[in-house]
Full PDB file with SEQRES, HELIX, SHEET, SSBOND, CRYST1, ORIGX, SCALE, CONECT and MASTER records, all heavy atoms in Angstrom:
SEQRES   1 A   42  PHE SER PRO LYS ASN GLY GLN LEU LYS GLN GLU ASP PRO          
SEQRES   2 A   42  ALA ARG GLU LEU SER TYR LYS ASN PHE THR ALA ASP GLY          
SEQRES   3 A   42  SER PHE SER LEU TYR LYS ASN LEU ALA LYS VAL GLU ASP          
SEQRES   4 A   42  ARG GLY THR                                                  
HELIX    1 AA1 PRO A   13  ARG A   15  5                                   3    
HELIX    2 AA2 VAL A   37  ASP A   39  5                                   3    
SHEET    1 AA1 2 SER A  18  TYR A  19  0                                        
SHEET    2 AA1 2 LEU A  30  TYR A  31 -1                                        
CRYST1    1.000    1.000    1.000  90.00  90.00  90.00 P 1           1          
ORIGX1      1.000000  0.000000  0.000000        0.00000                         
ORIGX2      0.000000  1.000000  0.000000        0.00000                         
ORIGX3      0.000000  0.000000  1.000000        0.00000                         
SCALE1      1.000000  0.000000  0.000000        0.00000                         
SCALE2      0.000000  1.000000  0.000000        0.00000                         
SCALE3      0.000000  0.000000  1.000000        0.00000                         
ATOM      1  N   PHE A   1     -86.967  32.390 -67.111  1.00  0.00           N  
ATOM      2  CA  PHE A   1     -86.455  31.027 -66.790  1.00  0.00           C  
ATOM      3  C   PHE A   1     -84.992  31.110 -66.431  1.00  0.00           C  
ATOM      4  O   PHE A   1     -84.275  31.724 -67.022  1.00  0.00           O  
ATOM      5  CB  PHE A   1     -86.664  30.121 -68.040  1.00  0.00           C  
ATOM      6  CG  PHE A   1     -86.024  28.730 -67.923  1.00  0.00           C  
ATOM      7  CD1 PHE A   1     -86.685  27.814 -67.072  1.00  0.00           C  
ATOM      8  CD2 PHE A   1     -84.900  28.437 -68.581  1.00  0.00           C  
ATOM      9  CE1 PHE A   1     -86.106  26.502 -67.001  1.00  0.00           C  
ATOM     10  CE2 PHE A   1     -84.326  27.132 -68.482  1.00  0.00           C  
ATOM     11  CZ  PHE A   1     -84.930  26.151 -67.626  1.00  0.00           C  
ATOM     12  N   SER A   2     -84.674  30.333 -65.323  1.00  0.00           N  
ATOM     13  CA  SER A   2     -83.294  30.190 -65.028  1.00  0.00           C  
ATOM     14  C   SER A   2     -82.952  28.748 -64.810  1.00  0.00           C  
ATOM     15  O   SER A   2     -83.486  28.021 -64.001  1.00  0.00           O  
ATOM     16  CB  SER A   2     -83.090  30.934 -63.610  1.00  0.00           C  
ATOM     17  OG  SER A   2     -81.785  30.704 -63.143  1.00  0.00           O  
ATOM     18  N   PRO A   3     -81.906  28.314 -65.603  1.00  0.00           N  
ATOM     19  CA  PRO A   3     -81.554  26.893 -65.485  1.00  0.00           C  
ATOM     20  C   PRO A   3     -80.979  26.472 -64.162  1.00  0.00           C  
ATOM     21  O   PRO A   3     -80.877  25.334 -63.900  1.00  0.00           O  
ATOM     22  CB  PRO A   3     -80.470  26.726 -66.625  1.00  0.00           C  
ATOM     23  CG  PRO A   3     -80.687  27.947 -67.528  1.00  0.00           C  
ATOM     24  CD  PRO A   3     -81.224  28.975 -66.651  1.00  0.00           C  
ATOM     25  N   LYS A   4     -80.568  27.430 -63.411  1.00  0.00           N  
ATOM     26  CA  LYS A   4     -79.956  27.101 -62.049  1.00  0.00           C  
ATOM     27  C   LYS A   4     -80.992  26.380 -61.151  1.00  0.00           C  
ATOM     28  O   LYS A   4     -80.623  25.341 -60.541  1.00  0.00           O  
ATOM     29  CB  LYS A   4     -79.587  28.433 -61.330  1.00  0.00           C  
ATOM     30  CG  LYS A   4     -78.411  29.058 -61.971  1.00  0.00           C  
ATOM     31  CD  LYS A   4     -78.004  30.381 -61.244  1.00  0.00           C  
ATOM     32  CE  LYS A   4     -76.770  31.027 -61.868  1.00  0.00           C  
ATOM     33  NZ  LYS A   4     -76.524  32.309 -61.133  1.00  0.00           N  
ATOM     34  N   ASN A   5     -82.231  26.799 -61.211  1.00  0.00           N  
ATOM     35  CA  ASN A   5     -83.211  26.124 -60.375  1.00  0.00           C  
ATOM     36  C   ASN A   5     -84.239  25.397 -61.290  1.00  0.00           C  
ATOM     37  O   ASN A   5     -85.113  24.646 -60.716  1.00  0.00           O  
ATOM     38  CB  ASN A   5     -84.016  27.111 -59.473  1.00  0.00           C  
ATOM     39  CG  ASN A   5     -84.547  28.280 -60.298  1.00  0.00           C  
ATOM     40  OD1 ASN A   5     -84.883  28.228 -61.435  1.00  0.00           O  
ATOM     41  ND2 ASN A   5     -84.574  29.460 -59.691  1.00  0.00           N  
ATOM     42  N   GLY A   6     -84.120  25.539 -62.611  1.00  0.00           N  
ATOM     43  CA  GLY A   6     -84.957  24.752 -63.542  1.00  0.00           C  
ATOM     44  C   GLY A   6     -86.483  25.194 -63.507  1.00  0.00           C  
ATOM     45  O   GLY A   6     -87.324  24.480 -64.095  1.00  0.00           O  
ATOM     46  N   GLN A   7     -86.728  26.326 -62.939  1.00  0.00           N  
ATOM     47  CA  GLN A   7     -88.168  26.773 -62.819  1.00  0.00           C  
ATOM     48  C   GLN A   7     -88.421  27.876 -63.754  1.00  0.00           C  
ATOM     49  O   GLN A   7     -87.546  28.800 -64.053  1.00  0.00           O  
ATOM     50  CB  GLN A   7     -88.410  27.285 -61.365  1.00  0.00           C  
ATOM     51  CG  GLN A   7     -88.435  26.121 -60.353  1.00  0.00           C  
ATOM     52  CD  GLN A   7     -88.730  26.637 -58.992  1.00  0.00           C  
ATOM     53  OE1 GLN A   7     -88.829  27.840 -58.759  1.00  0.00           O  
ATOM     54  NE2 GLN A   7     -88.971  25.729 -58.000  1.00  0.00           N  
ATOM     55  N   LEU A   8     -89.607  27.793 -64.349  1.00  0.00           N  
ATOM     56  CA  LEU A   8     -90.094  28.848 -65.308  1.00  0.00           C  
ATOM     57  C   LEU A   8     -91.164  29.702 -64.619  1.00  0.00           C  
ATOM     58  O   LEU A   8     -92.221  29.135 -64.197  1.00  0.00           O  
ATOM     59  CB  LEU A   8     -90.632  28.298 -66.571  1.00  0.00           C  
ATOM     60  CG  LEU A   8     -90.857  29.206 -67.737  1.00  0.00           C  
ATOM     61  CD1 LEU A   8     -90.582  28.520 -69.050  1.00  0.00           C  
ATOM     62  CD2 LEU A   8     -92.261  29.770 -67.755  1.00  0.00           C  
ATOM     63  N   LYS A   9     -90.891  30.970 -64.357  1.00  0.00           N  
ATOM     64  CA  LYS A   9     -91.845  31.849 -63.621  1.00  0.00           C  
ATOM     65  C   LYS A   9     -92.732  32.582 -64.526  1.00  0.00           C  
ATOM     66  O   LYS A   9     -92.204  33.340 -65.481  1.00  0.00           O  
ATOM     67  CB  LYS A   9     -90.986  32.770 -62.706  1.00  0.00           C  
ATOM     68  CG  LYS A   9     -91.832  33.592 -61.840  1.00  0.00           C  
ATOM     69  CD  LYS A   9     -90.910  34.528 -60.970  1.00  0.00           C  
ATOM     70  CE  LYS A   9     -91.770  35.391 -60.006  1.00  0.00           C  
ATOM     71  NZ  LYS A   9     -90.886  36.286 -59.203  1.00  0.00           N  
ATOM     72  N   GLN A  10     -94.029  32.550 -64.308  1.00  0.00           N  
ATOM     73  CA  GLN A  10     -94.935  33.338 -65.083  1.00  0.00           C  
ATOM     74  C   GLN A  10     -95.238  34.638 -64.452  1.00  0.00           C  
ATOM     75  O   GLN A  10     -95.718  34.723 -63.336  1.00  0.00           O  
ATOM     76  CB  GLN A  10     -96.275  32.445 -65.191  1.00  0.00           C  
ATOM     77  CG  GLN A  10     -97.260  33.135 -66.212  1.00  0.00           C  
ATOM     78  CD  GLN A  10     -98.440  32.192 -66.472  1.00  0.00           C  
ATOM     79  OE1 GLN A  10     -98.651  31.256 -65.742  1.00  0.00           O  
ATOM     80  NE2 GLN A  10     -99.154  32.437 -67.625  1.00  0.00           N  
ATOM     81  N   GLU A  11     -94.830  35.696 -65.164  1.00  0.00           N  
ATOM     82  CA  GLU A  11     -94.966  37.080 -64.649  1.00  0.00           C  
ATOM     83  C   GLU A  11     -96.314  37.746 -64.846  1.00  0.00           C  
ATOM     84  O   GLU A  11     -96.747  38.638 -64.184  1.00  0.00           O  
ATOM     85  CB  GLU A  11     -93.811  37.945 -65.117  1.00  0.00           C  
ATOM     86  CG  GLU A  11     -92.420  37.339 -64.979  1.00  0.00           C  
ATOM     87  CD  GLU A  11     -91.871  37.563 -63.577  1.00  0.00           C  
ATOM     88  OE1 GLU A  11     -92.623  38.238 -62.702  1.00  0.00           O  
ATOM     89  OE2 GLU A  11     -90.834  37.011 -63.178  1.00  0.00           O  
ATOM     90  N   ASP A  12     -96.922  37.318 -66.023  1.00  0.00           N  
ATOM     91  CA  ASP A  12     -98.116  37.951 -66.434  1.00  0.00           C  
ATOM     92  C   ASP A  12     -99.176  36.914 -66.818  1.00  0.00           C  
ATOM     93  O   ASP A  12     -99.385  36.654 -68.069  1.00  0.00           O  
ATOM     94  CB  ASP A  12     -97.868  38.858 -67.650  1.00  0.00           C  
ATOM     95  CG  ASP A  12     -99.071  39.830 -67.980  1.00  0.00           C  
ATOM     96  OD1 ASP A  12    -100.107  39.737 -67.338  1.00  0.00           O  
ATOM     97  OD2 ASP A  12     -98.915  40.564 -68.908  1.00  0.00           O  
ATOM     98  N   PRO A  13     -99.833  36.290 -65.802  1.00  0.00           N  
ATOM     99  CA  PRO A  13    -100.834  35.222 -66.133  1.00  0.00           C  
ATOM    100  C   PRO A  13    -102.084  35.658 -66.847  1.00  0.00           C  
ATOM    101  O   PRO A  13    -102.764  34.851 -67.454  1.00  0.00           O  
ATOM    102  CB  PRO A  13    -101.149  34.672 -64.717  1.00  0.00           C  
ATOM    103  CG  PRO A  13    -100.800  35.779 -63.733  1.00  0.00           C  
ATOM    104  CD  PRO A  13     -99.638  36.499 -64.379  1.00  0.00           C  
ATOM    105  N   ALA A  14    -102.304  36.974 -66.753  1.00  0.00           N  
ATOM    106  CA  ALA A  14    -103.531  37.527 -67.396  1.00  0.00           C  
ATOM    107  C   ALA A  14    -103.461  37.321 -68.983  1.00  0.00           C  
ATOM    108  O   ALA A  14    -104.579  37.357 -69.560  1.00  0.00           O  
ATOM    109  CB  ALA A  14    -103.702  39.022 -67.003  1.00  0.00           C  
ATOM    110  N   ARG A  15    -102.325  37.210 -69.526  1.00  0.00           N  
ATOM    111  CA  ARG A  15    -102.207  37.028 -70.907  1.00  0.00           C  
ATOM    112  C   ARG A  15    -102.607  35.680 -71.420  1.00  0.00           C  
ATOM    113  O   ARG A  15    -102.623  35.476 -72.665  1.00  0.00           O  
ATOM    114  CB  ARG A  15    -100.854  37.414 -71.454  1.00  0.00           C  
ATOM    115  CG  ARG A  15    -100.549  38.923 -71.362  1.00  0.00           C  
ATOM    116  CD  ARG A  15     -99.392  39.345 -72.213  1.00  0.00           C  
ATOM    117  NE  ARG A  15     -99.362  40.824 -72.252  1.00  0.00           N  
ATOM    118  CZ  ARG A  15    -100.032  41.547 -73.135  1.00  0.00           C  
ATOM    119  NH1 ARG A  15    -100.697  40.937 -74.106  1.00  0.00           N  
ATOM    120  NH2 ARG A  15    -100.002  42.888 -73.145  1.00  0.00           N  
ATOM    121  N   GLU A  16    -102.660  34.727 -70.576  1.00  0.00           N  
ATOM    122  CA  GLU A  16    -103.159  33.368 -70.824  1.00  0.00           C  
ATOM    123  C   GLU A  16    -102.226  32.667 -71.857  1.00  0.00           C  
ATOM    124  O   GLU A  16    -102.741  31.774 -72.529  1.00  0.00           O  
ATOM    125  CB  GLU A  16    -104.607  33.377 -71.331  1.00  0.00           C  
ATOM    126  CG  GLU A  16    -105.639  34.046 -70.334  1.00  0.00           C  
ATOM    127  CD  GLU A  16    -107.019  34.139 -70.924  1.00  0.00           C  
ATOM    128  OE1 GLU A  16    -107.160  33.809 -72.185  1.00  0.00           O  
ATOM    129  OE2 GLU A  16    -107.833  34.536 -70.206  1.00  0.00           O  
ATOM    130  N   LEU A  17    -100.959  33.033 -71.855  1.00  0.00           N  
ATOM    131  CA  LEU A  17    -100.019  32.375 -72.697  1.00  0.00           C  
ATOM    132  C   LEU A  17     -99.435  31.166 -72.028  1.00  0.00           C  
ATOM    133  O   LEU A  17     -99.187  31.216 -70.815  1.00  0.00           O  
ATOM    134  CB  LEU A  17     -98.923  33.266 -73.142  1.00  0.00           C  
ATOM    135  CG  LEU A  17     -99.244  34.379 -74.120  1.00  0.00           C  
ATOM    136  CD1 LEU A  17     -98.242  35.481 -74.159  1.00  0.00           C  
ATOM    137  CD2 LEU A  17     -99.496  33.797 -75.521  1.00  0.00           C  
ATOM    138  N   SER A  18     -99.267  30.053 -72.803  1.00  0.00           N  
ATOM    139  CA  SER A  18     -98.696  28.860 -72.239  1.00  0.00           C  
ATOM    140  C   SER A  18     -97.467  28.404 -72.986  1.00  0.00           C  
ATOM    141  O   SER A  18     -97.173  28.897 -74.066  1.00  0.00           O  
ATOM    142  CB  SER A  18     -99.784  27.739 -72.178  1.00  0.00           C  
ATOM    143  OG  SER A  18    -100.127  27.456 -73.544  1.00  0.00           O  
ATOM    144  N   TYR A  19     -96.708  27.451 -72.388  1.00  0.00           N  
ATOM    145  CA  TYR A  19     -95.509  27.031 -73.044  1.00  0.00           C  
ATOM    146  C   TYR A  19     -95.527  25.427 -73.040  1.00  0.00           C  
ATOM    147  O   TYR A  19     -96.261  24.806 -72.282  1.00  0.00           O  
ATOM    148  CB  TYR A  19     -94.237  27.528 -72.359  1.00  0.00           C  
ATOM    149  CG  TYR A  19     -94.202  27.082 -70.897  1.00  0.00           C  
ATOM    150  CD1 TYR A  19     -93.558  26.019 -70.508  1.00  0.00           C  
ATOM    151  CD2 TYR A  19     -94.824  27.791 -69.952  1.00  0.00           C  
ATOM    152  CE1 TYR A  19     -93.441  25.550 -69.197  1.00  0.00           C  
ATOM    153  CE2 TYR A  19     -94.768  27.434 -68.573  1.00  0.00           C  
ATOM    154  CZ  TYR A  19     -94.162  26.277 -68.167  1.00  0.00           C  
ATOM    155  OH  TYR A  19     -94.049  25.916 -66.980  1.00  0.00           O  
ATOM    156  N   LYS A  20     -94.679  24.820 -73.893  1.00  0.00           N  
ATOM    157  CA  LYS A  20     -94.478  23.467 -73.874  1.00  0.00           C  
ATOM    158  C   LYS A  20     -93.066  23.119 -73.438  1.00  0.00           C  
ATOM    159  O   LYS A  20     -92.258  23.983 -73.138  1.00  0.00           O  
ATOM    160  CB  LYS A  20     -94.827  22.857 -75.366  1.00  0.00           C  
ATOM    161  CG  LYS A  20     -96.167  23.069 -75.679  1.00  0.00           C  
ATOM    162  CD  LYS A  20     -96.488  22.459 -77.107  1.00  0.00           C  
ATOM    163  CE  LYS A  20     -97.908  22.601 -77.481  1.00  0.00           C  
ATOM    164  NZ  LYS A  20     -98.236  21.994 -78.830  1.00  0.00           N  
ATOM    165  N   ASN A  21     -92.735  21.874 -73.498  1.00  0.00           N  
ATOM    166  CA  ASN A  21     -91.427  21.422 -73.077  1.00  0.00           C  
ATOM    167  C   ASN A  21     -90.427  21.662 -74.086  1.00  0.00           C  
ATOM    168  O   ASN A  21     -90.087  20.929 -75.048  1.00  0.00           O  
ATOM    169  CB  ASN A  21     -91.456  19.872 -72.765  1.00  0.00           C  
ATOM    170  CG  ASN A  21     -90.112  19.374 -72.212  1.00  0.00           C  
ATOM    171  OD1 ASN A  21     -89.245  20.174 -71.831  1.00  0.00           O  
ATOM    172  ND2 ASN A  21     -89.969  18.065 -72.117  1.00  0.00           N  
ATOM    173  N   PHE A  22     -89.819  22.905 -73.985  1.00  0.00           N  
ATOM    174  CA  PHE A  22     -88.889  23.345 -75.071  1.00  0.00           C  
ATOM    175  C   PHE A  22     -87.562  22.588 -75.030  1.00  0.00           C  
ATOM    176  O   PHE A  22     -86.819  22.621 -76.045  1.00  0.00           O  
ATOM    177  CB  PHE A  22     -88.619  24.826 -74.906  1.00  0.00           C  
ATOM    178  CG  PHE A  22     -88.174  25.319 -73.558  1.00  0.00           C  
ATOM    179  CD1 PHE A  22     -86.861  25.035 -73.145  1.00  0.00           C  
ATOM    180  CD2 PHE A  22     -89.036  25.962 -72.772  1.00  0.00           C  
ATOM    181  CE1 PHE A  22     -86.537  25.533 -71.876  1.00  0.00           C  
ATOM    182  CE2 PHE A  22     -88.670  26.403 -71.513  1.00  0.00           C  
ATOM    183  CZ  PHE A  22     -87.440  26.138 -71.040  1.00  0.00           C  
ATOM    184  N   THR A  23     -87.248  21.873 -74.035  1.00  0.00           N  
ATOM    185  CA  THR A  23     -85.956  21.094 -74.026  1.00  0.00           C  
ATOM    186  C   THR A  23     -86.056  19.972 -74.955  1.00  0.00           C  
ATOM    187  O   THR A  23     -84.962  19.311 -75.223  1.00  0.00           O  
ATOM    188  CB  THR A  23     -85.622  20.576 -72.556  1.00  0.00           C  
ATOM    189  OG1 THR A  23     -86.700  19.810 -72.135  1.00  0.00           O  
ATOM    190  CG2 THR A  23     -85.420  21.759 -71.672  1.00  0.00           C  
ATOM    191  N   ALA A  24     -87.177  19.668 -75.553  1.00  0.00           N  
ATOM    192  CA  ALA A  24     -87.382  18.435 -76.374  1.00  0.00           C  
ATOM    193  C   ALA A  24     -86.894  18.786 -77.853  1.00  0.00           C  
ATOM    194  O   ALA A  24     -86.306  17.988 -78.487  1.00  0.00           O  
ATOM    195  CB  ALA A  24     -88.840  17.944 -76.329  1.00  0.00           C  
ATOM    196  N   ASP A  25     -87.375  19.923 -78.393  1.00  0.00           N  
ATOM    197  CA  ASP A  25     -87.098  20.175 -79.798  1.00  0.00           C  
ATOM    198  C   ASP A  25     -86.524  21.569 -80.111  1.00  0.00           C  
ATOM    199  O   ASP A  25     -86.659  22.055 -81.140  1.00  0.00           O  
ATOM    200  CB  ASP A  25     -88.328  19.864 -80.629  1.00  0.00           C  
ATOM    201  CG  ASP A  25     -89.483  20.834 -80.205  1.00  0.00           C  
ATOM    202  OD1 ASP A  25     -89.343  21.618 -79.196  1.00  0.00           O  
ATOM    203  OD2 ASP A  25     -90.580  20.775 -80.828  1.00  0.00           O  
ATOM    204  N   GLY A  26     -85.971  22.189 -79.137  1.00  0.00           N  
ATOM    205  CA  GLY A  26     -85.446  23.554 -79.317  1.00  0.00           C  
ATOM    206  C   GLY A  26     -86.494  24.659 -79.477  1.00  0.00           C  
ATOM    207  O   GLY A  26     -86.139  25.710 -79.907  1.00  0.00           O  
ATOM    208  N   SER A  27     -87.661  24.449 -78.945  1.00  0.00           N  
ATOM    209  CA  SER A  27     -88.782  25.437 -79.136  1.00  0.00           C  
ATOM    210  C   SER A  27     -88.929  26.168 -77.799  1.00  0.00           C  
ATOM    211  O   SER A  27     -89.045  25.643 -76.726  1.00  0.00           O  
ATOM    212  CB  SER A  27     -90.105  24.711 -79.506  1.00  0.00           C  
ATOM    213  OG  SER A  27     -91.075  25.753 -79.473  1.00  0.00           O  
ATOM    214  N   PHE A  28     -88.827  27.519 -77.927  1.00  0.00           N  
ATOM    215  CA  PHE A  28     -89.229  28.394 -76.813  1.00  0.00           C  
ATOM    216  C   PHE A  28     -90.481  29.112 -77.126  1.00  0.00           C  
ATOM    217  O   PHE A  28     -90.800  30.244 -76.558  1.00  0.00           O  
ATOM    218  CB  PHE A  28     -88.091  29.411 -76.711  1.00  0.00           C  
ATOM    219  CG  PHE A  28     -86.814  28.916 -76.155  1.00  0.00           C  
ATOM    220  CD1 PHE A  28     -85.963  28.152 -76.923  1.00  0.00           C  
ATOM    221  CD2 PHE A  28     -86.372  29.053 -74.815  1.00  0.00           C  
ATOM    222  CE1 PHE A  28     -84.773  27.548 -76.462  1.00  0.00           C  
ATOM    223  CE2 PHE A  28     -85.188  28.629 -74.356  1.00  0.00           C  
ATOM    224  CZ  PHE A  28     -84.346  27.814 -75.232  1.00  0.00           C  
ATOM    225  N   SER A  29     -91.374  28.497 -77.927  1.00  0.00           N  
ATOM    226  CA  SER A  29     -92.577  29.120 -78.423  1.00  0.00           C  
ATOM    227  C   SER A  29     -93.600  29.157 -77.243  1.00  0.00           C  
ATOM    228  O   SER A  29     -93.692  28.388 -76.385  1.00  0.00           O  
ATOM    229  CB  SER A  29     -93.150  28.301 -79.584  1.00  0.00           C  
ATOM    230  OG  SER A  29     -92.167  28.129 -80.598  1.00  0.00           O  
ATOM    231  N   LEU A  30     -94.555  30.185 -77.458  1.00  0.00           N  
ATOM    232  CA  LEU A  30     -95.659  30.431 -76.545  1.00  0.00           C  
ATOM    233  C   LEU A  30     -96.933  30.193 -77.276  1.00  0.00           C  
ATOM    234  O   LEU A  30     -96.993  30.491 -78.524  1.00  0.00           O  
ATOM    235  CB  LEU A  30     -95.562  31.840 -75.929  1.00  0.00           C  
ATOM    236  CG  LEU A  30     -94.324  32.133 -75.098  1.00  0.00           C  
ATOM    237  CD1 LEU A  30     -94.374  33.547 -74.565  1.00  0.00           C  
ATOM    238  CD2 LEU A  30     -94.160  31.080 -74.005  1.00  0.00           C  
ATOM    239  N   TYR A  31     -98.002  29.855 -76.591  1.00  0.00           N  
ATOM    240  CA  TYR A  31     -99.298  29.534 -77.300  1.00  0.00           C  
ATOM    241  C   TYR A  31    -100.473  30.135 -76.545  1.00  0.00           C  
ATOM    242  O   TYR A  31    -100.382  30.317 -75.330  1.00  0.00           O  
ATOM    243  CB  TYR A  31     -99.428  27.939 -77.440  1.00  0.00           C  
ATOM    244  CG  TYR A  31     -98.279  27.293 -78.052  1.00  0.00           C  
ATOM    245  CD1 TYR A  31     -97.234  26.798 -77.338  1.00  0.00           C  
ATOM    246  CD2 TYR A  31     -98.289  27.110 -79.415  1.00  0.00           C  
ATOM    247  CE1 TYR A  31     -96.126  26.158 -77.977  1.00  0.00           C  
ATOM    248  CE2 TYR A  31     -97.177  26.483 -80.106  1.00  0.00           C  
ATOM    249  CZ  TYR A  31     -96.146  26.039 -79.354  1.00  0.00           C  
ATOM    250  OH  TYR A  31     -95.089  25.386 -79.915  1.00  0.00           O  
ATOM    251  N   LYS A  32    -101.569  30.286 -77.259  1.00  0.00           N  
ATOM    252  CA  LYS A  32    -102.873  30.701 -76.710  1.00  0.00           C  
ATOM    253  C   LYS A  32    -103.993  30.131 -77.562  1.00  0.00           C  
ATOM    254  O   LYS A  32    -103.877  30.116 -78.782  1.00  0.00           O  
ATOM    255  CB  LYS A  32    -102.901  32.244 -76.660  1.00  0.00           C  
ATOM    256  CG  LYS A  32    -104.031  32.771 -75.858  1.00  0.00           C  
ATOM    257  CD  LYS A  32    -103.986  34.316 -75.792  1.00  0.00           C  
ATOM    258  CE  LYS A  32    -105.030  34.879 -74.959  1.00  0.00           C  
ATOM    259  NZ  LYS A  32    -104.903  36.336 -74.830  1.00  0.00           N  
ATOM    260  N   ASN A  33    -105.063  29.640 -76.858  1.00  0.00           N  
ATOM    261  CA  ASN A  33    -106.145  28.921 -77.550  1.00  0.00           C  
ATOM    262  C   ASN A  33    -106.887  29.875 -78.558  1.00  0.00           C  
ATOM    263  O   ASN A  33    -107.202  29.498 -79.581  1.00  0.00           O  
ATOM    264  CB  ASN A  33    -107.033  28.319 -76.644  1.00  0.00           C  
ATOM    265  CG  ASN A  33    -106.462  27.151 -75.835  1.00  0.00           C  
ATOM    266  OD1 ASN A  33    -105.530  26.458 -76.407  1.00  0.00           O  
ATOM    267  ND2 ASN A  33    -106.948  26.917 -74.560  1.00  0.00           N  
ATOM    268  N   LEU A  34    -107.142  31.089 -78.151  1.00  0.00           N  
ATOM    269  CA  LEU A  34    -107.782  32.036 -78.997  1.00  0.00           C  
ATOM    270  C   LEU A  34    -107.229  33.517 -78.833  1.00  0.00           C  
ATOM    271  O   LEU A  34    -107.096  33.919 -77.670  1.00  0.00           O  
ATOM    272  CB  LEU A  34    -109.286  32.045 -78.594  1.00  0.00           C  
ATOM    273  CG  LEU A  34    -110.259  32.668 -79.619  1.00  0.00           C  
ATOM    274  CD1 LEU A  34    -110.240  31.983 -80.999  1.00  0.00           C  
ATOM    275  CD2 LEU A  34    -111.642  32.758 -79.106  1.00  0.00           C  
ATOM    276  N   ALA A  35    -106.770  34.028 -79.975  1.00  0.00           N  
ATOM    277  CA  ALA A  35    -106.203  35.347 -79.864  1.00  0.00           C  
ATOM    278  C   ALA A  35    -107.281  36.494 -79.607  1.00  0.00           C  
ATOM    279  O   ALA A  35    -108.411  36.290 -79.892  1.00  0.00           O  
ATOM    280  CB  ALA A  35    -105.558  35.694 -81.239  1.00  0.00           C  
ATOM    281  N   LYS A  36    -106.764  37.529 -79.014  1.00  0.00           N  
ATOM    282  CA  LYS A  36    -107.543  38.611 -78.680  1.00  0.00           C  
ATOM    283  C   LYS A  36    -106.915  39.920 -79.216  1.00  0.00           C  
ATOM    284  O   LYS A  36    -105.763  39.866 -79.522  1.00  0.00           O  
ATOM    285  CB  LYS A  36    -107.790  38.748 -77.128  1.00  0.00           C  
ATOM    286  CG  LYS A  36    -108.472  37.653 -76.443  1.00  0.00           C  
ATOM    287  CD  LYS A  36    -108.738  37.929 -74.975  1.00  0.00           C  
ATOM    288  CE  LYS A  36    -109.335  36.775 -74.292  1.00  0.00           C  
ATOM    289  NZ  LYS A  36    -109.385  37.022 -72.751  1.00  0.00           N  
ATOM    290  N   VAL A  37    -107.683  41.010 -79.323  1.00  0.00           N  
ATOM    291  CA  VAL A  37    -107.169  42.250 -79.756  1.00  0.00           C  
ATOM    292  C   VAL A  37    -106.077  42.672 -78.891  1.00  0.00           C  
ATOM    293  O   VAL A  37    -105.088  43.333 -79.304  1.00  0.00           O  
ATOM    294  CB  VAL A  37    -108.361  43.249 -79.929  1.00  0.00           C  
ATOM    295  CG1 VAL A  37    -107.816  44.635 -80.202  1.00  0.00           C  
ATOM    296  CG2 VAL A  37    -109.293  42.923 -80.965  1.00  0.00           C  
ATOM    297  N   GLU A  38    -106.201  42.429 -77.520  1.00  0.00           N  
ATOM    298  CA  GLU A  38    -105.119  42.884 -76.621  1.00  0.00           C  
ATOM    299  C   GLU A  38    -103.806  42.232 -76.841  1.00  0.00           C  
ATOM    300  O   GLU A  38    -102.845  42.632 -76.239  1.00  0.00           O  
ATOM    301  CB  GLU A  38    -105.651  42.610 -75.208  1.00  0.00           C  
ATOM    302  CG  GLU A  38    -106.929  43.399 -74.731  1.00  0.00           C  
ATOM    303  CD  GLU A  38    -108.245  42.841 -75.368  1.00  0.00           C  
ATOM    304  OE1 GLU A  38    -108.189  41.707 -75.914  1.00  0.00           O  
ATOM    305  OE2 GLU A  38    -109.221  43.499 -75.254  1.00  0.00           O  
ATOM    306  N   ASP A  39    -103.758  41.140 -77.589  1.00  0.00           N  
ATOM    307  CA  ASP A  39    -102.586  40.385 -77.860  1.00  0.00           C  
ATOM    308  C   ASP A  39    -101.663  41.075 -78.961  1.00  0.00           C  
ATOM    309  O   ASP A  39    -100.510  40.652 -79.098  1.00  0.00           O  
ATOM    310  CB  ASP A  39    -102.824  38.935 -78.339  1.00  0.00           C  
ATOM    311  CG  ASP A  39    -103.503  38.087 -77.240  1.00  0.00           C  
ATOM    312  OD1 ASP A  39    -103.122  38.382 -76.004  1.00  0.00           O  
ATOM    313  OD2 ASP A  39    -104.421  37.359 -77.545  1.00  0.00           O  
ATOM    314  N   ARG A  40    -102.242  42.133 -79.554  1.00  0.00           N  
ATOM    315  CA  ARG A  40    -101.381  42.862 -80.537  1.00  0.00           C  
ATOM    316  C   ARG A  40    -100.150  43.519 -79.790  1.00  0.00           C  
ATOM    317  O   ARG A  40    -100.208  44.064 -78.696  1.00  0.00           O  
ATOM    318  CB  ARG A  40    -102.229  43.905 -81.199  1.00  0.00           C  
ATOM    319  CG  ARG A  40    -103.347  43.415 -82.077  1.00  0.00           C  
ATOM    320  CD  ARG A  40    -104.197  44.537 -82.460  1.00  0.00           C  
ATOM    321  NE  ARG A  40    -105.325  44.083 -83.401  1.00  0.00           N  
ATOM    322  CZ  ARG A  40    -106.406  44.848 -83.662  1.00  0.00           C  
ATOM    323  NH1 ARG A  40    -106.557  46.044 -83.067  1.00  0.00           N  
ATOM    324  NH2 ARG A  40    -107.357  44.307 -84.472  1.00  0.00           N  
ATOM    325  N   GLY A  41     -99.027  43.433 -80.500  1.00  0.00           N  
ATOM    326  CA  GLY A  41     -97.853  44.051 -79.902  1.00  0.00           C  
ATOM    327  C   GLY A  41     -96.606  43.426 -80.435  1.00  0.00           C  
ATOM    328  O   GLY A  41     -96.548  42.587 -81.330  1.00  0.00           O  
ATOM    329  N   THR A  42     -95.440  43.755 -79.806  1.00  0.00           N  
ATOM    330  CA  THR A  42     -94.147  43.281 -80.109  1.00  0.00           C  
ATOM    331  C   THR A  42     -93.629  42.365 -79.036  1.00  0.00           C  
ATOM    332  O   THR A  42     -93.562  42.706 -77.826  1.00  0.00           O  
ATOM    333  CB  THR A  42     -93.107  44.398 -80.409  1.00  0.00           C  
ATOM    334  OG1 THR A  42     -93.672  45.276 -81.385  1.00  0.00           O  
ATOM    335  CG2 THR A  42     -91.794  43.904 -80.728  1.00  0.00           C  
TER     336      THR A  42                                                      
MASTER        0    0    0    2    2    0    0    6  335    1    0    4          
END                                                                             
């Protein structure tokens, strides 16, 4: 994400992670409806 253009670029859509409007409450959190074994990691 770059505030210069205000666009958030998704680099890895295969992970099916989504985001919400973080400018509302200070959240930069990511979400997924159902976790998979492939989601393990850092």
